[in-house]
Amino acid sequence: MIILLILMLGPIGCQQVQKPELKGEGPLAVVVPRGTAVPEYHAPLERWRTLHREVLNRGDFTQKECVLCHNPKTGCNQCHIYIGAKEISIPEAFLYWPELKKEKG
């Protein structure tokens, strides 16, 4: 009886979370403003996704430079939250992304 109950309730308690995707749907969708050109150094995008941390560690870019083009809330942190990485928190980001100032208080 208990096993039957567990088998019936199991699927209810387990929901699959959609991974963050560019042009995806749901709460973890990665949003890039329409008309944003992809810089040459980001191509191919899949390779960039896996190497961006290495590029930051080498000092080629800083997180402050990243927020010039990337909104941490709708871009970087969608993936960081999904994989459990530290969220990007740049105090000056609201200068480039005014909607972040509303959240800041």
Protein backbone atom coordinates (compact mmCIF):
# COMPACT_ATOMS: atom_id res chain seq x y z
CA MET A 1 0.00 0.00 0.00
CA ILE A 2 2.78 2.46 0.93
CA ILE A 3 4.71 1.61 -2.22
CA LEU A 4 1.63 2.28 -4.33
CA LEU A 5 1.15 5.65 -2.62
CA ILE A 6 4.79 6.60 -3.24
CA LEU A 7 4.53 5.61 -6.89
CA MET A 8 1.37 7.69 -7.30
CA LEU A 9 2.72 10.80 -5.53
CA GLY A 10 6.27 10.61 -6.89
CA PRO A 11 5.60 12.40 -10.20
CA ILE A 12 3.72 15.18 -8.40
CA GLY A 13 6.71 16.10 -6.22
CA CYS A 14 9.26 16.02 -9.06
CA GLN A 15 9.02 18.79 -11.59
CA GLN A 16 11.53 19.18 -14.34
CA VAL A 17 13.04 22.66 -14.44
CA GLN A 18 13.70 23.99 -17.92
CA LYS A 19 17.35 24.90 -18.35
CA PRO A 20 18.23 28.48 -19.23
CA GLU A 21 18.18 28.98 -22.97
CA LEU A 22 18.65 31.92 -25.26
CA LYS A 23 15.19 32.70 -26.63
CA GLY A 24 13.80 30.14 -24.18
CA GLU A 25 10.58 30.32 -22.22
CA GLY A 26 9.82 30.32 -18.53
CA PRO A 27 11.43 31.93 -15.51
CA LEU A 28 14.99 31.01 -16.53
CA ALA A 29 14.82 32.24 -20.13
CA VAL A 30 17.94 34.16 -21.12
CA VAL A 31 16.87 37.45 -22.68
CA VAL A 32 19.00 39.40 -25.12
CA PRO A 33 17.52 42.67 -26.33
CA ARG A 34 16.36 42.53 -29.94
CA GLY A 35 18.92 43.87 -32.39
CA THR A 36 21.92 43.04 -30.20
CA ALA A 37 24.82 41.96 -32.38
CA VAL A 38 26.93 39.03 -31.21
CA PRO A 39 30.59 40.11 -31.02
CA GLU A 40 33.05 38.06 -33.03
CA TYR A 41 34.81 36.85 -29.88
CA HIS A 42 31.55 35.26 -28.67
CA ALA A 43 31.36 32.99 -31.73
CA PRO A 44 30.58 30.21 -31.70
CA LEU A 45 28.26 30.91 -28.81
CA GLU A 46 28.35 27.37 -27.41
CA ARG A 47 32.15 27.51 -27.11
CA TRP A 48 31.93 30.92 -25.42
CA ARG A 49 29.49 29.58 -22.83
CA THR A 50 32.01 27.00 -21.71
CA LEU A 51 35.08 29.25 -21.84
CA HIS A 52 33.82 32.58 -20.47
CA ARG A 53 34.97 31.82 -16.93
CA GLU A 54 38.48 31.05 -18.17
CA VAL A 55 38.53 34.36 -20.08
CA LEU A 56 37.50 36.21 -16.90
CA ASN A 57 40.12 34.37 -14.84
CA ARG A 58 42.84 35.31 -17.36
CA GLY A 59 41.84 38.96 -17.02
CA ASP A 60 40.82 39.41 -20.66
CA PHE A 61 37.51 40.84 -19.40
CA THR A 62 36.08 41.86 -16.05
CA GLN A 63 32.55 41.32 -14.80
CA LYS A 64 32.09 45.10 -14.90
CA GLU A 65 32.88 45.02 -18.62
CA CYS A 66 30.42 42.16 -19.12
CA VAL A 67 27.50 44.16 -17.70
CA LEU A 68 28.03 46.81 -20.37
CA CYS A 69 26.25 44.39 -22.73
CA HIS A 70 24.74 41.75 -20.45
CA ASN A 71 21.94 42.36 -17.97
CA PRO A 72 22.95 40.19 -15.00
CA LYS A 73 19.33 39.53 -14.05
CA THR A 74 18.03 38.34 -17.42
CA GLY A 75 21.29 36.92 -18.75
CA CYS A 76 24.22 35.88 -16.57
CA ASN A 77 22.34 35.02 -13.40
CA GLN A 78 19.75 32.85 -15.13
CA CYS A 79 22.47 30.32 -15.89
CA HIS A 80 24.38 30.93 -12.66
CA ILE A 81 21.27 30.17 -10.59
CA TYR A 82 20.54 27.06 -12.63
CA ILE A 83 24.00 25.55 -12.12
CA GLY A 84 24.49 26.85 -8.57
CA ALA A 85 27.31 29.27 -9.43
CA LYS A 86 27.80 32.57 -7.64
CA GLU A 87 25.48 35.26 -8.97
CA ILE A 88 26.91 38.31 -10.70
CA SER A 89 26.50 41.34 -8.46
CA ILE A 90 27.97 44.54 -9.86
CA PRO A 91 26.69 47.63 -7.99
CA GLU A 92 27.15 49.84 -11.06
CA ALA A 93 25.07 47.54 -13.29
CA PHE A 94 21.94 49.65 -12.72
CA LEU A 95 23.68 52.46 -14.65
CA TYR A 96 23.36 50.33 -17.78
CA TRP A 97 20.23 48.39 -16.81
CA PRO A 98 17.79 50.87 -15.15
CA GLU A 99 15.33 48.12 -14.18
CA LEU A 100 17.93 46.84 -11.70
CA LYS A 101 17.76 50.16 -9.80
CA LYS A 102 14.07 49.55 -9.05
CA GLU A 103 14.98 46.22 -7.44
CA LYS A 104 17.91 47.70 -5.54
CA GLY A 105 15.56 49.95 -3.66
